[in-house]
N, C-alpha and C. Protein backbone atom coordinates (compact mmCIF):
# COMPACT_ATOMS: atom_id res chain seq x y z
N UNK A 1 -28.34 0.84 -11.41
CA UNK A 1 -29.40 0.15 -10.71
C UNK A 1 -29.53 0.67 -9.30
N UNK A 2 -30.85 0.87 -8.91
CA UNK A 2 -31.07 1.36 -7.50
C UNK A 2 -31.75 0.15 -6.57
N UNK A 3 -30.94 -0.50 -5.90
CA UNK A 3 -31.75 -1.63 -5.17
C UNK A 3 -32.51 -1.07 -3.79
N UNK A 4 -33.58 -1.72 -3.63
CA UNK A 4 -34.30 -1.22 -2.37
C UNK A 4 -34.52 -2.53 -1.51
N UNK A 5 -34.11 -2.29 -0.23
CA UNK A 5 -33.99 -3.34 0.61
C UNK A 5 -35.30 -3.69 1.38
N UNK A 6 -35.58 -4.89 1.39
CA UNK A 6 -36.82 -5.59 1.98
C UNK A 6 -36.55 -6.47 3.19
N UNK A 7 -37.60 -6.66 3.96
CA UNK A 7 -37.28 -7.67 5.16
C UNK A 7 -37.48 -9.10 4.64
N UNK A 8 -37.20 -10.07 5.33
CA UNK A 8 -37.35 -11.36 4.93
C UNK A 8 -36.25 -11.70 4.03
N UNK A 9 -36.42 -12.91 3.27
CA UNK A 9 -35.44 -13.48 2.44
C UNK A 9 -35.19 -12.64 1.23
N UNK A 10 -36.17 -11.87 0.48
CA UNK A 10 -36.12 -11.23 -0.51
C UNK A 10 -35.08 -10.03 -0.32
N UNK A 11 -33.92 -10.09 -0.60
CA UNK A 11 -33.00 -8.97 -0.33
C UNK A 11 -33.04 -7.76 -0.83
N UNK A 12 -33.55 -7.84 -2.29
CA UNK A 12 -33.50 -6.41 -2.91
C UNK A 12 -34.40 -6.46 -4.16
N UNK A 13 -34.81 -5.32 -4.47
CA UNK A 13 -35.48 -5.31 -5.92
C UNK A 13 -34.57 -4.27 -6.70
N UNK A 14 -34.32 -4.62 -7.72
CA UNK A 14 -33.33 -3.82 -8.64
C UNK A 14 -34.25 -3.50 -9.95
N UNK A 15 -34.18 -2.22 -10.47
CA UNK A 15 -34.80 -1.72 -11.59
C UNK A 15 -33.89 -1.79 -12.70
N UNK A 16 -34.06 -2.48 -13.62
CA UNK A 16 -33.14 -2.54 -14.97
C UNK A 16 -32.75 -1.11 -15.40
N UNK A 17 -33.77 -0.36 -15.48
CA UNK A 17 -33.83 1.07 -15.98
C UNK A 17 -34.27 1.91 -14.72
N UNK A 18 -33.34 2.84 -14.28
CA UNK A 18 -33.77 3.37 -13.02
C UNK A 18 -34.68 4.46 -13.03
N UNK A 19 -35.18 4.76 -14.19
CA UNK A 19 -36.18 5.69 -14.22
C UNK A 19 -37.54 5.15 -14.30
N UNK A 20 -37.74 3.99 -14.17
CA UNK A 20 -39.13 3.30 -14.16
C UNK A 20 -39.86 3.84 -12.83
N UNK A 21 -41.09 4.45 -13.14
CA UNK A 21 -42.03 4.88 -12.22
C UNK A 21 -41.51 6.01 -11.01
N UNK A 22 -40.49 6.62 -11.35
CA UNK A 22 -40.02 7.57 -10.54
C UNK A 22 -40.87 8.94 -10.50
N UNK A 23 -41.31 9.19 -11.69
CA UNK A 23 -42.16 10.30 -11.80
C UNK A 23 -43.75 10.07 -11.41
N UNK A 24 -44.14 8.86 -11.92
CA UNK A 24 -45.62 8.67 -11.87
C UNK A 24 -46.03 8.02 -10.36
N UNK A 25 -45.10 7.94 -9.57
CA UNK A 25 -45.44 7.52 -8.24
C UNK A 25 -45.72 6.19 -8.09
N UNK A 26 -45.62 5.13 -8.94
CA UNK A 26 -45.92 3.79 -8.88
C UNK A 26 -44.87 2.91 -8.34
N UNK A 27 -43.70 3.24 -8.23
CA UNK A 27 -42.64 2.58 -7.83
C UNK A 27 -42.91 1.81 -6.54
N UNK A 28 -43.50 2.59 -5.45
CA UNK A 28 -43.68 1.80 -4.38
C UNK A 28 -44.74 0.90 -4.38
N UNK A 29 -45.92 1.18 -5.16
CA UNK A 29 -46.91 0.34 -5.39
C UNK A 29 -46.13 -0.94 -6.02
N UNK A 30 -45.45 -0.96 -7.04
CA UNK A 30 -44.88 -2.00 -7.68
C UNK A 30 -44.06 -2.93 -6.65
N UNK A 31 -43.10 -2.41 -5.95
CA UNK A 31 -42.29 -2.98 -5.11
C UNK A 31 -43.14 -3.71 -4.04
N UNK A 32 -44.10 -3.16 -3.44
CA UNK A 32 -45.17 -3.93 -2.67
C UNK A 32 -45.80 -5.21 -3.21
N UNK A 33 -46.21 -5.07 -4.87
CA UNK A 33 -46.75 -6.02 -5.33
C UNK A 33 -45.74 -7.22 -5.49
N UNK A 34 -44.40 -6.68 -5.93
CA UNK A 34 -43.43 -7.95 -5.94
C UNK A 34 -43.29 -8.77 -4.67
N UNK A 35 -43.16 -8.18 -3.36
CA UNK A 35 -43.00 -8.61 -2.19
C UNK A 35 -44.01 -9.53 -1.99
N UNK A 36 -45.34 -9.00 -2.36
CA UNK A 36 -46.41 -9.85 -2.03
C UNK A 36 -46.50 -11.16 -2.88
N UNK A 37 -46.15 -10.88 -4.10
CA UNK A 37 -45.90 -11.93 -5.19
C UNK A 37 -44.93 -13.06 -4.54
N UNK A 38 -43.87 -12.57 -4.26
CA UNK A 38 -42.78 -13.28 -3.64
C UNK A 38 -43.29 -14.33 -2.44
N UNK A 39 -43.73 -13.60 -1.42
CA UNK A 39 -44.58 -14.33 -0.52
C UNK A 39 -45.65 -15.30 -0.86
N UNK A 40 -46.57 -14.96 -1.82
CA UNK A 40 -47.58 -16.00 -2.11
C UNK A 40 -47.22 -16.92 -2.92
N UNK A 41 -46.15 -16.82 -3.75
CA UNK A 41 -45.60 -17.99 -4.45
C UNK A 41 -44.54 -18.73 -3.83
N UNK A 42 -44.28 -18.17 -2.65
CA UNK A 42 -43.48 -19.05 -1.95
C UNK A 42 -42.03 -19.08 -2.61
N UNK A 43 -41.45 -18.14 -3.13
CA UNK A 43 -40.28 -18.08 -3.95
C UNK A 43 -38.98 -18.21 -3.07
N UNK A 44 -39.09 -17.92 -1.77
CA UNK A 44 -37.97 -18.21 -0.84
C UNK A 44 -37.64 -19.65 -0.95
N UNK A 45 -38.68 -20.48 -1.03
CA UNK A 45 -38.29 -21.97 -1.16
C UNK A 45 -37.51 -22.43 -2.45
N UNK A 46 -37.58 -21.60 -3.50
CA UNK A 46 -36.82 -21.74 -4.51
C UNK A 46 -35.41 -21.21 -4.64
N UNK A 47 -35.07 -20.53 -3.52
CA UNK A 47 -33.70 -19.88 -3.32
C UNK A 47 -33.61 -18.45 -3.96
N UNK A 48 -34.85 -17.87 -4.17
CA UNK A 48 -34.91 -16.37 -4.84
C UNK A 48 -34.64 -15.60 -3.65
N UNK A 49 -33.47 -14.57 -3.81
CA UNK A 49 -33.15 -13.71 -3.00
C UNK A 49 -33.23 -12.15 -3.68
N UNK A 50 -33.41 -12.18 -4.92
CA UNK A 50 -33.29 -10.86 -5.56
C UNK A 50 -34.35 -10.73 -6.70
N UNK A 51 -34.85 -9.61 -6.84
CA UNK A 51 -35.94 -9.60 -7.93
C UNK A 51 -35.30 -8.20 -8.87
N UNK A 52 -35.39 -8.40 -10.17
CA UNK A 52 -35.10 -7.27 -11.14
C UNK A 52 -36.16 -7.05 -12.03
N UNK A 53 -36.68 -5.93 -11.90
CA UNK A 53 -37.89 -5.39 -12.71
C UNK A 53 -37.28 -5.22 -14.22
N UNK A 54 -37.92 -5.91 -15.07
CA UNK A 54 -37.31 -5.67 -16.51
C UNK A 54 -38.26 -4.96 -17.36
N UNK A 55 -39.63 -4.86 -16.84
CA UNK A 55 -40.61 -3.94 -17.67
C UNK A 55 -41.66 -3.54 -16.72
N UNK A 56 -41.84 -2.24 -16.75
CA UNK A 56 -42.85 -1.64 -15.93
C UNK A 56 -44.36 -2.02 -16.15
N UNK A 57 -45.35 -1.36 -15.45
CA UNK A 57 -46.77 -1.81 -15.70
C UNK A 57 -47.03 -1.70 -17.28
N UNK A 58 -47.67 -2.75 -17.66
CA UNK A 58 -48.08 -2.78 -19.20
C UNK A 58 -49.06 -3.91 -19.35
N UNK A 59 -49.73 -3.76 -20.35
CA UNK A 59 -50.67 -4.61 -21.05
C UNK A 59 -50.17 -5.26 -22.24
N UNK A 60 -51.08 -5.98 -22.98
CA UNK A 60 -50.68 -6.26 -24.18
C UNK A 60 -49.73 -7.32 -24.30
N UNK A 61 -48.72 -7.60 -25.36
CA UNK A 61 -48.01 -8.58 -25.41
C UNK A 61 -48.63 -9.89 -25.34
N UNK A 62 -49.90 -10.14 -25.80
CA UNK A 62 -50.41 -11.28 -25.57
C UNK A 62 -51.17 -11.49 -24.22
N UNK A 63 -50.93 -10.48 -23.40
CA UNK A 63 -51.43 -10.64 -21.94
C UNK A 63 -52.51 -9.33 -21.80
N UNK A 64 -53.77 -9.75 -21.63
CA UNK A 64 -54.61 -8.42 -21.35
C UNK A 64 -54.46 -7.76 -20.07
N UNK A 65 -53.97 -8.44 -19.09
CA UNK A 65 -54.03 -7.98 -17.75
C UNK A 65 -52.87 -7.06 -17.57
N UNK A 66 -53.06 -5.98 -16.74
CA UNK A 66 -51.83 -5.09 -16.41
C UNK A 66 -50.94 -5.85 -15.49
N UNK A 67 -49.52 -5.81 -15.88
CA UNK A 67 -48.38 -6.54 -14.96
C UNK A 67 -47.27 -6.00 -15.15
N UNK A 68 -46.26 -6.09 -14.21
CA UNK A 68 -44.90 -5.82 -14.58
C UNK A 68 -44.17 -7.19 -14.62
N UNK A 69 -43.10 -7.21 -15.48
CA UNK A 69 -42.42 -8.46 -15.57
C UNK A 69 -41.06 -8.33 -14.76
N UNK A 70 -40.87 -9.31 -13.91
CA UNK A 70 -39.89 -9.55 -12.91
C UNK A 70 -38.99 -10.60 -13.10
N UNK A 71 -37.65 -10.66 -13.21
CA UNK A 71 -36.91 -11.79 -13.12
C UNK A 71 -36.35 -12.01 -11.62
N UNK A 72 -36.59 -13.20 -11.15
CA UNK A 72 -36.36 -13.60 -9.74
C UNK A 72 -34.91 -14.42 -9.87
N UNK A 73 -33.90 -13.98 -9.00
CA UNK A 73 -32.58 -14.51 -9.11
C UNK A 73 -32.21 -14.99 -7.49
N UNK A 74 -31.14 -16.01 -7.73
CA UNK A 74 -30.59 -16.42 -6.52
C UNK A 74 -29.75 -15.52 -5.93
N UNK A 75 -29.07 -15.99 -4.90
CA UNK A 75 -28.06 -15.06 -4.14
C UNK A 75 -26.75 -14.75 -4.94
N UNK A 76 -26.44 -15.44 -5.92
CA UNK A 76 -25.34 -15.37 -6.80
C UNK A 76 -25.76 -14.77 -8.06
N UNK A 77 -27.03 -14.15 -8.23
CA UNK A 77 -27.67 -13.69 -9.39
C UNK A 77 -27.81 -14.42 -10.39
N UNK A 78 -27.88 -15.94 -10.29
CA UNK A 78 -28.24 -16.73 -11.37
C UNK A 78 -29.92 -16.64 -11.39
N UNK A 79 -30.26 -16.71 -12.69
CA UNK A 79 -31.81 -16.67 -12.94
C UNK A 79 -32.57 -17.95 -12.40
N UNK A 80 -33.60 -17.76 -11.65
CA UNK A 80 -34.37 -18.75 -11.27
C UNK A 80 -35.58 -18.85 -12.13
N UNK A 81 -36.36 -17.69 -12.07
CA UNK A 81 -37.61 -17.76 -12.93
C UNK A 81 -38.11 -16.27 -13.29
N UNK A 82 -38.82 -16.18 -14.24
CA UNK A 82 -39.47 -14.91 -14.80
C UNK A 82 -41.03 -14.86 -14.53
N UNK A 83 -41.58 -13.87 -13.82
CA UNK A 83 -42.96 -13.88 -13.73
C UNK A 83 -43.55 -12.62 -14.01
N UNK A 84 -44.92 -12.64 -14.41
CA UNK A 84 -45.62 -11.43 -14.57
C UNK A 84 -46.30 -11.09 -13.35
N UNK A 85 -46.17 -10.07 -12.68
CA UNK A 85 -46.70 -9.65 -11.42
C UNK A 85 -47.66 -8.72 -11.61
N UNK A 86 -49.07 -9.11 -11.38
CA UNK A 86 -50.05 -8.38 -11.80
C UNK A 86 -50.38 -7.30 -10.94
N UNK A 87 -50.98 -6.08 -11.55
CA UNK A 87 -51.25 -5.05 -10.80
C UNK A 87 -52.62 -4.99 -10.24
N UNK A 88 -52.80 -4.11 -9.09
CA UNK A 88 -53.92 -4.20 -8.44
C UNK A 88 -55.26 -4.12 -9.02
N UNK A 89 -55.11 -3.42 -10.31
CA UNK A 89 -56.39 -3.31 -11.09
C UNK A 89 -56.77 -4.62 -11.67
N UNK A 90 -55.79 -5.43 -12.03
CA UNK A 90 -56.17 -6.69 -12.58
C UNK A 90 -55.54 -7.93 -11.97
N UNK A 91 -55.70 -7.82 -10.72
CA UNK A 91 -55.16 -9.00 -9.74
C UNK A 91 -56.04 -10.19 -9.90
N UNK A 92 -55.55 -11.42 -9.97
CA UNK A 92 -56.30 -12.76 -10.29
C UNK A 92 -57.21 -12.73 -8.96
N UNK A 93 -58.32 -13.43 -9.20
CA UNK A 93 -59.23 -13.61 -8.15
C UNK A 93 -58.69 -14.75 -7.25
């Protein structure tokens, strides 16, 4: 796993499968969306310090909108919540 350091309380983003988006150039885009999602949803207030990407950009699975699936964890690695983080093409209004 390759962590990416971020400012503020979100300390890292880890990709469960390290090859996600390395070749298609979407990794920085995904990490920026996760940071924005973290801030917008005030996940710092829930004690979230780490994000683990468990699924890359996809649709389907009963969800029409493009999204990535992210598990948010506390400082000890305990699961806090799992969210679908929407891609810029399908962001909620």
